[in-house]
Amino acid sequence: MTGQARRKQDQLCRQVEERLGLVLAGELADPLLQDIYVAAVEPEPGGVNLVVHLALPPHRSDISPIAVLQRLAGLRAFLREEIAAAIHRKRAPGLLFRVEHGLPGAPDDDEEEQP
C-alpha cells in the first residue's frame, strides 16, 4: 500500500471513529448503548470493511456484548447513513463490531460480530 493510500485509510478510520463516537454518546436514546465508547476503528485485514472496537465500561458488567451486537445490527442502516454523511464519500464502508468489557485488549470476555 502506498503512503498516500495508507494516509487516506487512516483518515477514513479517524472520521468513522469520531462520527460513531458522537452518535453513540448523544444521538441515540438507548440505555443499552449510552455508556459504550468507540475505542478504535481499523481496516479489516484483507477486506473492505472497517472493524469498530467498542468498549463497555467496567461498571456495566450487567450488559452482554451479544445484546449490544444485536442492538447495533438493528441500527446498521442508520449508522452507515450517519457515516456516509460525515465522510462525504460515495459509499460508506461496511462495519464489523467488536465489543469488550473494560479496557480494549484486556483478556476479558469479548464477542465479535461476523459479517
PDB file of N, CA and C in Angstrom:
ATOM      1  N   MET A   1       0.838  -1.168   0.000  1.00  0.00           N
ATOM      2  CA  MET A   1       0.000   0.000   0.000  1.00  0.00           C
ATOM      3  C   MET A   1       0.889   1.239   0.000  1.00  0.00           C
ATOM      4  N   THR A   2       0.553   2.179  -0.837  1.00  0.00           N
ATOM      5  CA  THR A   2       1.353   3.400  -0.921  1.00  0.00           C
ATOM      6  C   THR A   2       1.112   4.267   0.303  1.00  0.00           C
ATOM      7  N   GLY A   3       2.006   5.211   0.508  1.00  0.00           N
ATOM      8  CA  GLY A   3       1.880   6.118   1.640  1.00  0.00           C
ATOM      9  C   GLY A   3       0.602   6.936   1.581  1.00  0.00           C
ATOM     10  N   GLN A   4       0.245   7.377   0.378  1.00  0.00           N
ATOM     11  CA  GLN A   4      -0.969   8.169   0.227  1.00  0.00           C
ATOM     12  C   GLN A   4      -2.211   7.314   0.516  1.00  0.00           C
ATOM     13  N   ALA A   5      -2.227   6.087   0.030  1.00  0.00           N
ATOM     14  CA  ALA A   5      -3.359   5.198   0.284  1.00  0.00           C
ATOM     15  C   ALA A   5      -3.491   4.919   1.777  1.00  0.00           C
ATOM     16  N   ARG A   6      -2.370   4.740   2.455  1.00  0.00           N
ATOM     17  CA  ARG A   6      -2.384   4.489   3.893  1.00  0.00           C
ATOM     18  C   ARG A   6      -2.919   5.701   4.651  1.00  0.00           C
ATOM     19  N   ARG A   7      -2.504   6.905   4.233  1.00  0.00           N
ATOM     20  CA  ARG A   7      -2.999   8.130   4.870  1.00  0.00           C
ATOM     21  C   ARG A   7      -4.506   8.271   4.689  1.00  0.00           C
ATOM     22  N   LYS A   8      -4.996   7.959   3.498  1.00  0.00           N
ATOM     23  CA  LYS A   8      -6.439   8.030   3.223  1.00  0.00           C
ATOM     24  C   LYS A   8      -7.198   7.030   4.091  1.00  0.00           C
ATOM     25  N   GLN A   9      -6.653   5.841   4.220  1.00  0.00           N
ATOM     26  CA  GLN A   9      -7.276   4.809   5.041  1.00  0.00           C
ATOM     27  C   GLN A   9      -7.299   5.229   6.518  1.00  0.00           C
ATOM     28  N   ASP A  10      -6.198   5.769   7.003  1.00  0.00           N
ATOM     29  CA  ASP A  10      -6.131   6.256   8.381  1.00  0.00           C
ATOM     30  C   ASP A  10      -7.115   7.401   8.601  1.00  0.00           C
ATOM     31  N   GLN A  11      -7.232   8.288   7.621  1.00  0.00           N
ATOM     32  CA  GLN A  11      -8.163   9.404   7.710  1.00  0.00           C
ATOM     33  C   GLN A  11      -9.601   8.883   7.787  1.00  0.00           C
ATOM     34  N   LEU A  12      -9.937   7.909   6.954  1.00  0.00           N
ATOM     35  CA  LEU A  12     -11.272   7.330   6.971  1.00  0.00           C
ATOM     36  C   LEU A  12     -11.573   6.721   8.339  1.00  0.00           C
ATOM     37  N   CYS A  13     -10.632   5.982   8.884  1.00  0.00           N
ATOM     38  CA  CYS A  13     -10.827   5.361  10.202  1.00  0.00           C
ATOM     39  C   CYS A  13     -11.061   6.418  11.278  1.00  0.00           C
ATOM     40  N   ARG A  14     -10.294   7.500  11.244  1.00  0.00           N
ATOM     41  CA  ARG A  14     -10.468   8.574  12.228  1.00  0.00           C
ATOM     42  C   ARG A  14     -11.843   9.232  12.088  1.00  0.00           C
ATOM     43  N   GLN A  15     -12.274   9.473  10.844  1.00  0.00           N
ATOM     44  CA  GLN A  15     -13.567  10.098  10.614  1.00  0.00           C
ATOM     45  C   GLN A  15     -14.705   9.201  11.114  1.00  0.00           C
ATOM     46  N   VAL A  16     -14.613   7.922  10.837  1.00  0.00           N
ATOM     47  CA  VAL A  16     -15.642   6.978  11.278  1.00  0.00           C
ATOM     48  C   VAL A  16     -15.642   6.892  12.805  1.00  0.00           C
ATOM     49  N   GLU A  17     -14.466   6.828  13.401  1.00  0.00           N
ATOM     50  CA  GLU A  17     -14.372   6.770  14.863  1.00  0.00           C
ATOM     51  C   GLU A  17     -15.010   8.000  15.502  1.00  0.00           C
ATOM     52  N   GLU A  18     -14.721   9.152  14.962  1.00  0.00           N
ATOM     53  CA  GLU A  18     -15.263  10.399  15.503  1.00  0.00           C
ATOM     54  C   GLU A  18     -16.783  10.436  15.381  1.00  0.00           C
ATOM     55  N   ARG A  19     -17.302  10.122  14.203  1.00  0.00           N
ATOM     56  CA  ARG A  19     -18.753  10.203  13.993  1.00  0.00           C
ATOM     57  C   ARG A  19     -19.502   9.169  14.829  1.00  0.00           C
ATOM     58  N   LEU A  20     -19.032   7.933  14.843  1.00  0.00           N
ATOM     59  CA  LEU A  20     -19.691   6.911  15.649  1.00  0.00           C
ATOM     60  C   LEU A  20     -19.641   7.268  17.135  1.00  0.00           C
ATOM     61  N   GLY A  21     -18.531   7.838  17.567  1.00  0.00           N
ATOM     62  CA  GLY A  21     -18.421   8.264  18.958  1.00  0.00           C
ATOM     63  C   GLY A  21     -19.476   9.297  19.314  1.00  0.00           C
ATOM     64  N   LEU A  22     -19.695  10.244  18.422  1.00  0.00           N
ATOM     65  CA  LEU A  22     -20.713  11.267  18.665  1.00  0.00           C
ATOM     66  C   LEU A  22     -22.116  10.674  18.664  1.00  0.00           C
ATOM     67  N   VAL A  23     -22.383   9.792  17.722  1.00  0.00           N
ATOM     68  CA  VAL A  23     -23.709   9.170  17.635  1.00  0.00           C
ATOM     69  C   VAL A  23     -23.993   8.352  18.887  1.00  0.00           C
ATOM     70  N   LEU A  24     -23.048   7.538  19.300  1.00  0.00           N
ATOM     71  CA  LEU A  24     -23.262   6.696  20.476  1.00  0.00           C
ATOM     72  C   LEU A  24     -23.338   7.517  21.764  1.00  0.00           C
ATOM     73  N   ALA A  25     -22.601   8.612  21.818  1.00  0.00           N
ATOM     74  CA  ALA A  25     -22.549   9.414  23.036  1.00  0.00           C
ATOM     75  C   ALA A  25     -23.805  10.242  23.270  1.00  0.00           C
ATOM     76  N   GLY A  26     -24.493  10.642  22.207  1.00  0.00           N
ATOM     77  CA  GLY A  26     -25.601  11.536  22.472  1.00  0.00           C
ATOM     78  C   GLY A  26     -26.765  11.510  21.516  1.00  0.00           C
ATOM     79  N   GLU A  27     -26.658  10.849  20.411  1.00  0.00           N
ATOM     80  CA  GLU A  27     -27.731  10.918  19.434  1.00  0.00           C
ATOM     81  C   GLU A  27     -28.671   9.726  19.483  1.00  0.00           C
ATOM     82  N   LEU A  28     -28.342   8.736  20.276  1.00  0.00           N
ATOM     83  CA  LEU A  28     -29.222   7.581  20.438  1.00  0.00           C
ATOM     84  C   LEU A  28     -29.794   7.595  21.854  1.00  0.00           C
ATOM     85  N   ALA A  29     -31.091   7.483  21.949  1.00  0.00           N
ATOM     86  CA  ALA A  29     -31.736   7.443  23.265  1.00  0.00           C
ATOM     87  C   ALA A  29     -31.938   5.979  23.656  1.00  0.00           C
ATOM     88  N   ASP A  30     -30.833   5.264  23.747  1.00  0.00           N
ATOM     89  CA  ASP A  30     -30.891   3.840  24.037  1.00  0.00           C
ATOM     90  C   ASP A  30     -30.047   3.560  25.275  1.00  0.00           C
ATOM     91  N   PRO A  31     -30.674   3.184  26.386  1.00  0.00           N
ATOM     92  CA  PRO A  31     -29.912   2.946  27.613  1.00  0.00           C
ATOM     93  C   PRO A  31     -28.861   1.849  27.483  1.00  0.00           C
ATOM     94  N   LEU A  32     -29.099   0.886  26.611  1.00  0.00           N
ATOM     95  CA  LEU A  32     -28.130  -0.190  26.433  1.00  0.00           C
ATOM     96  C   LEU A  32     -26.827   0.326  25.816  1.00  0.00           C
ATOM     97  N   LEU A  33     -26.940   1.327  24.965  1.00  0.00           N
ATOM     98  CA  LEU A  33     -25.770   1.817  24.236  1.00  0.00           C
ATOM     99  C   LEU A  33     -25.173   3.102  24.810  1.00  0.00           C
ATOM    100  N   GLN A  34     -25.797   3.690  25.805  1.00  0.00           N
ATOM    101  CA  GLN A  34     -25.374   5.020  26.242  1.00  0.00           C
ATOM    102  C   GLN A  34     -23.982   5.077  26.864  1.00  0.00           C
ATOM    103  N   ASP A  35     -23.509   4.011  27.474  1.00  0.00           N
ATOM    104  CA  ASP A  35     -22.192   4.039  28.109  1.00  0.00           C
ATOM    105  C   ASP A  35     -21.072   3.464  27.241  1.00  0.00           C
ATOM    106  N   ILE A  36     -21.416   3.024  26.061  1.00  0.00           N
ATOM    107  CA  ILE A  36     -20.415   2.428  25.174  1.00  0.00           C
ATOM    108  C   ILE A  36     -19.595   3.536  24.528  1.00  0.00           C
ATOM    109  N   TYR A  37     -18.306   3.295  24.382  1.00  0.00           N
ATOM    110  CA  TYR A  37     -17.493   4.264  23.661  1.00  0.00           C
ATOM    111  C   TYR A  37     -16.673   3.556  22.584  1.00  0.00           C
ATOM    112  N   VAL A  38     -16.342   4.315  21.564  1.00  0.00           N
ATOM    113  CA  VAL A  38     -15.561   3.782  20.451  1.00  0.00           C
ATOM    114  C   VAL A  38     -14.097   3.842  20.855  1.00  0.00           C
ATOM    115  N   ALA A  39     -13.490   2.676  20.992  1.00  0.00           N
ATOM    116  CA  ALA A  39     -12.090   2.600  21.398  1.00  0.00           C
ATOM    117  C   ALA A  39     -11.158   2.749  20.206  1.00  0.00           C
ATOM    118  N   ALA A  40     -11.553   2.206  19.060  1.00  0.00           N
ATOM    119  CA  ALA A  40     -10.700   2.277  17.867  1.00  0.00           C
ATOM    120  C   ALA A  40     -11.493   1.838  16.647  1.00  0.00           C
ATOM    121  N   VAL A  41     -11.040   2.276  15.504  1.00  0.00           N
ATOM    122  CA  VAL A  41     -11.564   1.820  14.216  1.00  0.00           C
ATOM    123  C   VAL A  41     -10.360   1.505  13.358  1.00  0.00           C
ATOM    124  N   GLU A  42     -10.372   0.323  12.744  1.00  0.00           N
ATOM    125  CA  GLU A  42      -9.251  -0.078  11.898  1.00  0.00           C
ATOM    126  C   GLU A  42      -9.774  -0.842  10.693  1.00  0.00           C
ATOM    127  N   PRO A  43      -9.007  -0.862   9.624  1.00  0.00           N
ATOM    128  CA  PRO A  43      -9.437  -1.622   8.451  1.00  0.00           C
ATOM    129  C   PRO A  43      -9.402  -3.120   8.736  1.00  0.00           C
ATOM    130  N   GLU A  44     -10.341  -3.823   8.174  1.00  0.00           N
ATOM    131  CA  GLU A  44     -10.358  -5.276   8.280  1.00  0.00           C
ATOM    132  C   GLU A  44      -9.171  -5.819   7.487  1.00  0.00           C
ATOM    133  N   PRO A  45      -8.377  -6.685   8.072  1.00  0.00           N
ATOM    134  CA  PRO A  45      -7.243  -7.243   7.329  1.00  0.00           C
ATOM    135  C   PRO A  45      -7.721  -7.976   6.076  1.00  0.00           C
ATOM    136  N   GLY A  46      -7.238  -7.527   4.945  1.00  0.00           N
ATOM    137  CA  GLY A  46      -7.577  -8.166   3.674  1.00  0.00           C
ATOM    138  C   GLY A  46      -9.003  -7.961   3.227  1.00  0.00           C
ATOM    139  N   GLY A  47      -9.710  -7.016   3.826  1.00  0.00           N
ATOM    140  CA  GLY A  47     -11.104  -6.815   3.471  1.00  0.00           C
ATOM    141  C   GLY A  47     -11.414  -5.369   3.154  1.00  0.00           C
ATOM    142  N   VAL A  48     -12.687  -5.110   2.915  1.00  0.00           N
ATOM    143  CA  VAL A  48     -13.135  -3.760   2.582  1.00  0.00           C
ATOM    144  C   VAL A  48     -13.926  -3.124   3.714  1.00  0.00           C
ATOM    145  N   ASN A  49     -14.136  -3.861   4.787  1.00  0.00           N
ATOM    146  CA  ASN A  49     -14.895  -3.359   5.926  1.00  0.00           C
ATOM    147  C   ASN A  49     -13.976  -2.690   6.942  1.00  0.00           C
ATOM    148  N   LEU A  50     -14.599  -1.969   7.856  1.00  0.00           N
ATOM    149  CA  LEU A  50     -13.880  -1.401   8.988  1.00  0.00           C
ATOM    150  C   LEU A  50     -14.303  -2.152  10.240  1.00  0.00           C
ATOM    151  N   VAL A  51     -13.345  -2.427  11.104  1.00  0.00           N
ATOM    152  CA  VAL A  51     -13.613  -3.078  12.380  1.00  0.00           C
ATOM    153  C   VAL A  51     -13.702  -1.982  13.438  1.00  0.00           C
ATOM    154  N   VAL A  52     -14.858  -1.911  14.097  1.00  0.00           N
ATOM    155  CA  VAL A  52     -15.106  -0.907  15.123  1.00  0.00           C
ATOM    156  C   VAL A  52     -14.991  -1.591  16.481  1.00  0.00           C
ATOM    157  N   HIS A  53     -14.014  -1.171  17.268  1.00  0.00           N
ATOM    158  CA  HIS A  53     -13.805  -1.714  18.609  1.00  0.00           C
ATOM    159  C   HIS A  53     -14.571  -0.833  19.597  1.00  0.00           C
ATOM    160  N   LEU A  54     -15.543  -1.430  20.253  1.00  0.00           N
ATOM    161  CA  LEU A  54     -16.358  -0.724  21.230  1.00  0.00           C
ATOM    162  C   LEU A  54     -16.040  -1.254  22.615  1.00  0.00           C
ATOM    163  N   ALA A  55     -16.054  -0.377  23.588  1.00  0.00           N
ATOM    164  CA  ALA A  55     -15.743  -0.782  24.953  1.00  0.00           C
ATOM    165  C   ALA A  55     -16.906  -0.463  25.877  1.00  0.00           C
ATOM    166  N   LEU A  56     -17.215  -1.425  26.723  1.00  0.00           N
ATOM    167  CA  LEU A  56     -18.193  -1.239  27.786  1.00  0.00           C
ATOM    168  C   LEU A  56     -17.430  -0.875  29.048  1.00  0.00           C
ATOM    169  N   PRO A  57     -17.855   0.139  29.765  1.00  0.00           N
ATOM    170  CA  PRO A  57     -17.142   0.490  30.988  1.00  0.00           C
ATOM    171  C   PRO A  57     -17.216  -0.644  32.007  1.00  0.00           C
ATOM    172  N   PRO A  58     -16.190  -0.782  32.819  1.00  0.00           N
ATOM    173  CA  PRO A  58     -16.153  -1.875  33.800  1.00  0.00           C
ATOM    174  C   PRO A  58     -17.361  -1.894  34.737  1.00  0.00           C
ATOM    175  N   HIS A  59     -17.927  -0.738  35.043  1.00  0.00           N
ATOM    176  CA  HIS A  59     -19.074  -0.698  35.952  1.00  0.00           C
ATOM    177  C   HIS A  59     -20.361  -1.209  35.312  1.00  0.00           C
ATOM    178  N   ARG A  60     -20.341  -1.514  34.024  1.00  0.00           N
ATOM    179  CA  ARG A  60     -21.528  -2.021  33.329  1.00  0.00           C
ATOM    180  C   ARG A  60     -21.363  -3.495  32.970  1.00  0.00           C
ATOM    181  N   SER A  61     -20.938  -4.286  33.917  1.00  0.00           N
ATOM    182  CA  SER A  61     -20.765  -5.722  33.674  1.00  0.00           C
ATOM    183  C   SER A  61     -22.101  -6.431  33.479  1.00  0.00           C
ATOM    184  N   ASP A  62     -23.210  -5.727  33.739  1.00  0.00           N
ATOM    185  CA  ASP A  62     -24.534  -6.291  33.533  1.00  0.00           C
ATOM    186  C   ASP A  62     -24.930  -6.342  32.058  1.00  0.00           C
ATOM    187  N   ILE A  63     -24.186  -5.666  31.210  1.00  0.00           N
ATOM    188  CA  ILE A  63     -24.511  -5.625  29.782  1.00  0.00           C
ATOM    189  C   ILE A  63     -23.760  -6.721  29.051  1.00  0.00           C
ATOM    190  N   SER A  64     -24.485  -7.475  28.278  1.00  0.00           N
ATOM    191  CA  SER A  64     -23.888  -8.543  27.483  1.00  0.00           C
ATOM    192  C   SER A  64     -23.389  -7.989  26.149  1.00  0.00           C
ATOM    193  N   PRO A  65     -22.167  -8.320  25.756  1.00  0.00           N
ATOM    194  CA  PRO A  65     -21.694  -7.913  24.431  1.00  0.00           C
ATOM    195  C   PRO A  65     -22.615  -8.416  23.318  1.00  0.00           C
ATOM    196  N   ILE A  66     -23.203  -9.574  23.505  1.00  0.00           N
ATOM    197  CA  ILE A  66     -24.110 -10.117  22.485  1.00  0.00           C
ATOM    198  C   ILE A  66     -25.347  -9.235  22.340  1.00  0.00           C
ATOM    199  N   ALA A  67     -25.888  -8.750  23.460  1.00  0.00           N
ATOM    200  CA  ALA A  67     -27.043  -7.853  23.404  1.00  0.00           C
ATOM    201  C   ALA A  67     -26.691  -6.564  22.674  1.00  0.00           C
ATOM    202  N   VAL A  68     -25.488  -6.058  22.915  1.00  0.00           N
ATOM    203  CA  VAL A  68     -25.037  -4.843  22.234  1.00  0.00           C
ATOM    204  C   VAL A  68     -24.928  -5.091  20.734  1.00  0.00           C
ATOM    205  N   LEU A  69     -24.345  -6.217  20.355  1.00  0.00           N
ATOM    206  CA  LEU A  69     -24.210  -6.543  18.932  1.00  0.00           C
ATOM    207  C   LEU A  69     -25.565  -6.669  18.260  1.00  0.00           C
ATOM    208  N   GLN A  70     -26.519  -7.262  18.952  1.00  0.00           N
ATOM    209  CA  GLN A  70     -27.863  -7.393  18.389  1.00  0.00           C
ATOM    210  C   GLN A  70     -28.510  -6.028  18.188  1.00  0.00           C
ATOM    211  N   ARG A  71     -28.348  -5.145  19.153  1.00  0.00           N
ATOM    212  CA  ARG A  71     -28.911  -3.802  19.037  1.00  0.00           C
ATOM    213  C   ARG A  71     -28.254  -3.044  17.890  1.00  0.00           C
ATOM    214  N   LEU A  72     -26.932  -3.166  17.781  1.00  0.00           N
ATOM    215  CA  LEU A  72     -26.211  -2.482  16.698  1.00  0.00           C
ATOM    216  C   LEU A  72     -26.618  -3.021  15.331  1.00  0.00           C
ATOM    217  N   ALA A  73     -26.914  -4.309  15.258  1.00  0.00           N
ATOM    218  CA  ALA A  73     -27.362  -4.892  13.987  1.00  0.00           C
ATOM    219  C   ALA A  73     -28.651  -4.216  13.523  1.00  0.00           C
ATOM    220  N   GLY A  74     -29.527  -3.891  14.456  1.00  0.00           N
ATOM    221  CA  GLY A  74     -30.762  -3.197  14.110  1.00  0.00           C
ATOM    222  C   GLY A  74     -30.545  -1.749  13.705  1.00  0.00           C
ATOM    223  N   LEU A  75     -29.423  -1.194  14.078  1.00  0.00           N
ATOM    224  CA  LEU A  75     -29.096   0.203  13.756  1.00  0.00           C
ATOM    225  C   LEU A  75     -28.123   0.331  12.587  1.00  0.00           C
ATOM    226  N   ARG A  76     -27.776  -0.778  11.974  1.00  0.00           N
ATOM    227  CA  ARG A  76     -26.744  -0.784  10.933  1.00  0.00           C
ATOM    228  C   ARG A  76     -27.013   0.239   9.827  1.00  0.00           C
ATOM    229  N   ALA A  77     -28.217   0.278   9.289  1.00  0.00           N
ATOM    230  CA  ALA A  77     -28.519   1.210   8.192  1.00  0.00           C
ATOM    231  C   ALA A  77     -28.372   2.660   8.665  1.00  0.00           C
ATOM    232  N   PHE A  78     -28.891   2.957   9.844  1.00  0.00           N
ATOM    233  CA  PHE A  78     -28.781   4.306  10.391  1.00  0.00           C
ATOM    234  C   PHE A  78     -27.319   4.714  10.583  1.00  0.00           C
ATOM    235  N   LEU A  79     -26.524   3.826  11.148  1.00  0.00           N
ATOM    236  CA  LEU A  79     -25.114   4.135  11.395  1.00  0.00           C
ATOM    237  C   LEU A  79     -24.358   4.353  10.090  1.00  0.00           C
ATOM    238  N   ARG A  80     -24.638   3.544   9.086  1.00  0.00           N
ATOM    239  CA  ARG A  80     -23.963   3.726   7.786  1.00  0.00           C
ATOM    240  C   ARG A  80     -24.368   5.053   7.144  1.00  0.00           C
ATOM    241  N   GLU A  81     -25.630   5.450   7.295  1.00  0.00           N
ATOM    242  CA  GLU A  81     -26.076   6.746   6.770  1.00  0.00           C
ATOM    243  C   GLU A  81     -25.348   7.887   7.473  1.00  0.00           C
ATOM    244  N   GLU A  82     -25.219   7.784   8.770  1.00  0.00           N
ATOM    245  CA  GLU A  82     -24.507   8.807   9.541  1.00  0.00           C
ATOM    246  C   GLU A  82     -23.050   8.903   9.102  1.00  0.00           C
ATOM    247  N   ILE A  83     -22.436   7.771   8.887  1.00  0.00           N
ATOM    248  CA  ILE A  83     -21.033   7.755   8.456  1.00  0.00           C
ATOM    249  C   ILE A  83     -20.907   8.331   7.055  1.00  0.00           C
ATOM    250  N   ALA A  84     -21.793   7.924   6.149  1.00  0.00           N
ATOM    251  CA  ALA A  84     -21.735   8.422   4.770  1.00  0.00           C
ATOM    252  C   ALA A  84     -21.850   9.941   4.739  1.00  0.00           C
ATOM    253  N   ALA A  85     -22.732  10.497   5.548  1.00  0.00           N
ATOM    254  CA  ALA A  85     -22.898  11.953   5.589  1.00  0.00           C
ATOM    255  C   ALA A  85     -21.661  12.636   6.156  1.00  0.00           C
ATOM    256  N   ALA A  86     -21.019  12.004   7.116  1.00  0.00           N
ATOM    257  CA  ALA A  86     -19.863  12.616   7.776  1.00  0.00           C
ATOM    258  C   ALA A  86     -18.592  12.541   6.940  1.00  0.00           C
ATOM    259  N   ILE A  87     -18.425  11.481   6.169  1.00  0.00           N
ATOM    260  CA  ILE A  87     -17.161  11.303   5.451  1.00  0.00           C
ATOM    261  C   ILE A  87     -17.205  11.817   4.021  1.00  0.00           C
ATOM    262  N   HIS A  88     -18.369  12.201   3.550  1.00  0.00           N
ATOM    263  CA  HIS A  88     -18.516  12.783   2.215  1.00  0.00           C
ATOM    264  C   HIS A  88     -17.926  11.887   1.132  1.00  0.00           C
ATOM    265  N   ARG A  89     -18.306  10.626   1.180  1.00  0.00           N
ATOM    266  CA  ARG A  89     -17.869   9.681   0.160  1.00  0.00           C
ATOM    267  C   ARG A  89     -19.086   9.055  -0.491  1.00  0.00           C
ATOM    268  N   LYS A  90     -18.866   8.551  -1.677  1.00  0.00           N
ATOM    269  CA  LYS A  90     -19.972   7.969  -2.431  1.00  0.00           C
ATOM    270  C   LYS A  90     -20.566   6.766  -1.710  1.00  0.00           C
ATOM    271  N   ARG A  91     -19.702   5.924  -1.155  1.00  0.00           N
ATOM    272  CA  ARG A  91     -20.164   4.729  -0.460  1.00  0.00           C
ATOM    273  C   ARG A  91     -19.545   4.656   0.924  1.00  0.00           C
ATOM    274  N   ALA A  92     -20.374   4.310   1.873  1.00  0.00           N
ATOM    275  CA  ALA A  92     -19.875   4.131   3.240  1.00  0.00           C
ATOM    276  C   ALA A  92     -19.306   2.725   3.373  1.00  0.00           C
ATOM    277  N   PRO A  93     -18.274   2.574   4.164  1.00  0.00           N
ATOM    278  CA  PRO A  93     -17.697   1.243   4.356  1.00  0.00           C
ATOM    279  C   PRO A  93     -18.630   0.358   5.181  1.00  0.00           C
ATOM    280  N   GLY A  94     -18.465  -0.945   5.020  1.00  0.00           N
ATOM    281  CA  GLY A  94     -19.168  -1.883   5.877  1.00  0.00           C
ATOM    282  C   GLY A  94     -18.554  -1.846   7.263  1.00  0.00           C
ATOM    283  N   LEU A  95     -19.344  -2.172   8.265  1.00  0.00           N
ATOM    284  CA  LEU A  95     -18.869  -2.116   9.648  1.00  0.00           C
ATOM    285  C   LEU A  95     -18.969  -3.480  10.310  1.00  0.00           C
ATOM    286  N   LEU A  96     -17.914  -3.863  10.975  1.00  0.00           N
ATOM    287  CA  LEU A  96     -17.900  -5.046  11.833  1.00  0.00           C
ATOM    288  C   LEU A  96     -17.643  -4.541  13.236  1.00  0.00           C
ATOM    289  N   PHE A  97     -18.416  -4.997  14.198  1.00  0.00           N
ATOM    290  CA  PHE A  97     -18.275  -4.517  15.568  1.00  0.00           C
ATOM    291  C   PHE A  97     -17.644  -5.570  16.451  1.00  0.00           C
ATOM    292  N   ARG A  98     -16.797  -5.101  17.323  1.00  0.00           N
ATOM    293  CA  ARG A  98     -16.191  -5.942  18.352  1.00  0.00           C
ATOM    294  C   ARG A  98     -16.444  -5.222  19.673  1.00  0.00           C
ATOM    295  N   VAL A  99     -17.045  -5.934  20.613  1.00  0.00           N
ATOM    296  CA  VAL A  99     -17.426  -5.333  21.889  1.00  0.00           C
ATOM    297  C   VAL A  99     -16.654  -6.017  23.007  1.00  0.00           C
ATOM    298  N   GLU A 100     -16.073  -5.203  23.880  1.00  0.00           N
ATOM    299  CA  GLU A 100     -15.288  -5.724  25.001  1.00  0.00           C
ATOM    300  C   GLU A 100     -15.703  -5.028  26.286  1.00  0.00           C
ATOM    301  N   HIS A 101     -15.616  -5.741  27.391  1.00  0.00           N
ATOM    302  CA  HIS A 101     -15.801  -5.127  28.703  1.00  0.00           C
ATOM    303  C   HIS A 101     -14.477  -4.531  29.134  1.00  0.00           C
ATOM    304  N   GLY A 102     -14.528  -3.398  29.763  1.00  0.00           N
ATOM    305  CA  GLY A 102     -13.322  -2.779  30.301  1.00  0.00           C
ATOM    306  C   GLY A 102     -12.446  -2.187  29.227  1.00  0.00           C
ATOM    307  N   LEU A 103     -11.167  -2.267  29.467  1.00  0.00           N
ATOM    308  CA  LEU A 103     -10.210  -1.679  28.545  1.00  0.00           C
ATOM    309  C   LEU A 103     -10.069  -2.535  27.300  1.00  0.00           C
ATOM    310  N   PRO A 104     -10.020  -1.906  26.129  1.00  0.00           N
ATOM    311  CA  PRO A 104      -9.823  -2.667  24.902  1.00  0.00           C
ATOM    312  C   PRO A 104      -8.522  -3.457  24.960  1.00  0.00           C
ATOM    313  N   GLY A 105      -8.594  -4.704  24.532  1.00  0.00           N
ATOM    314  CA  GLY A 105      -7.413  -5.543  24.500  1.00  0.00           C
ATOM    315  C   GLY A 105      -7.183  -6.330  25.771  1.00  0.00           C
ATOM    316  N   ALA A 106      -7.980  -6.050  26.808  1.00  0.00           N
ATOM    317  CA  ALA A 106      -7.839  -6.804  28.060  1.00  0.00           C
ATOM    318  C   ALA A 106      -8.382  -8.209  27.857  1.00  0.00           C
ATOM    319  N   PRO A 107      -7.854  -9.193  28.551  1.00  0.00           N
ATOM    320  CA  PRO A 107      -8.282 -10.579  28.332  1.00  0.00           C
ATOM    321  C   PRO A 107      -9.608 -10.913  29.016  1.00  0.00           C
ATOM    322  N   ASP A 108     -10.633 -10.086  28.807  1.00  0.00           N
ATOM    323  CA  ASP A 108     -11.971 -10.337  29.336  1.00  0.00           C
ATOM    324  C   ASP A 108     -12.794 -11.061  28.286  1.00  0.00           C
ATOM    325  N   ASP A 109     -14.049 -11.328  28.616  1.00  0.00           N
ATOM    326  CA  ASP A 109     -14.969 -11.910  27.640  1.00  0.00           C
ATOM    327  C   ASP A 109     -15.205 -10.884  26.550  1.00  0.00           C
ATOM    328  N   ASP A 110     -15.087 -11.315  25.318  1.00  0.00           N
ATOM    329  CA  ASP A 110     -15.410 -10.424  24.224  1.00  0.00           C
ATOM    330  C   ASP A 110     -16.097 -11.224  23.129  1.00  0.00           C
ATOM    331  N   GLU A 111     -16.843 -10.503  22.345  1.00  0.00           N
ATOM    332  CA  GLU A 111     -17.620 -11.126  21.274  1.00  0.00           C
ATOM    333  C   GLU A 111     -17.338 -10.360  20.002  1.00  0.00           C
ATOM    334  N   GLU A 112     -17.394 -11.041  18.902  1.00  0.00           N
ATOM    335  CA  GLU A 112     -17.190 -10.394  17.619  1.00  0.00           C
ATOM    336  C   GLU A 112     -18.342 -10.750  16.700  1.00  0.00           C
ATOM    337  N   GLU A 113     -18.838  -9.750  15.989  1.00  0.00           N
ATOM    338  CA  GLU A 113     -19.914  -9.960  15.038  1.00  0.00           C
ATOM    339  C   GLU A 113     -19.305 -10.429  13.730  1.00  0.00           C
ATOM    340  N   GLN A 114     -19.899 -11.432  13.158  1.00  0.00           N
ATOM    341  CA  GLN A 114     -19.428 -11.930  11.876  1.00  0.00           C
ATOM    342  C   GLN A 114     -20.132 -11.181  10.749  1.00  0.00           C
ATOM    343  N   PRO A 115     -19.478 -11.001   9.601  1.00  0.00           N
ATOM    344  CA  PRO A 115     -20.096 -10.244   8.505  1.00  0.00           C
ATOM    345  C   PRO A 115     -21.355 -10.886   8.003  1.00  0.00           C
TER     346      PRO A 115
END
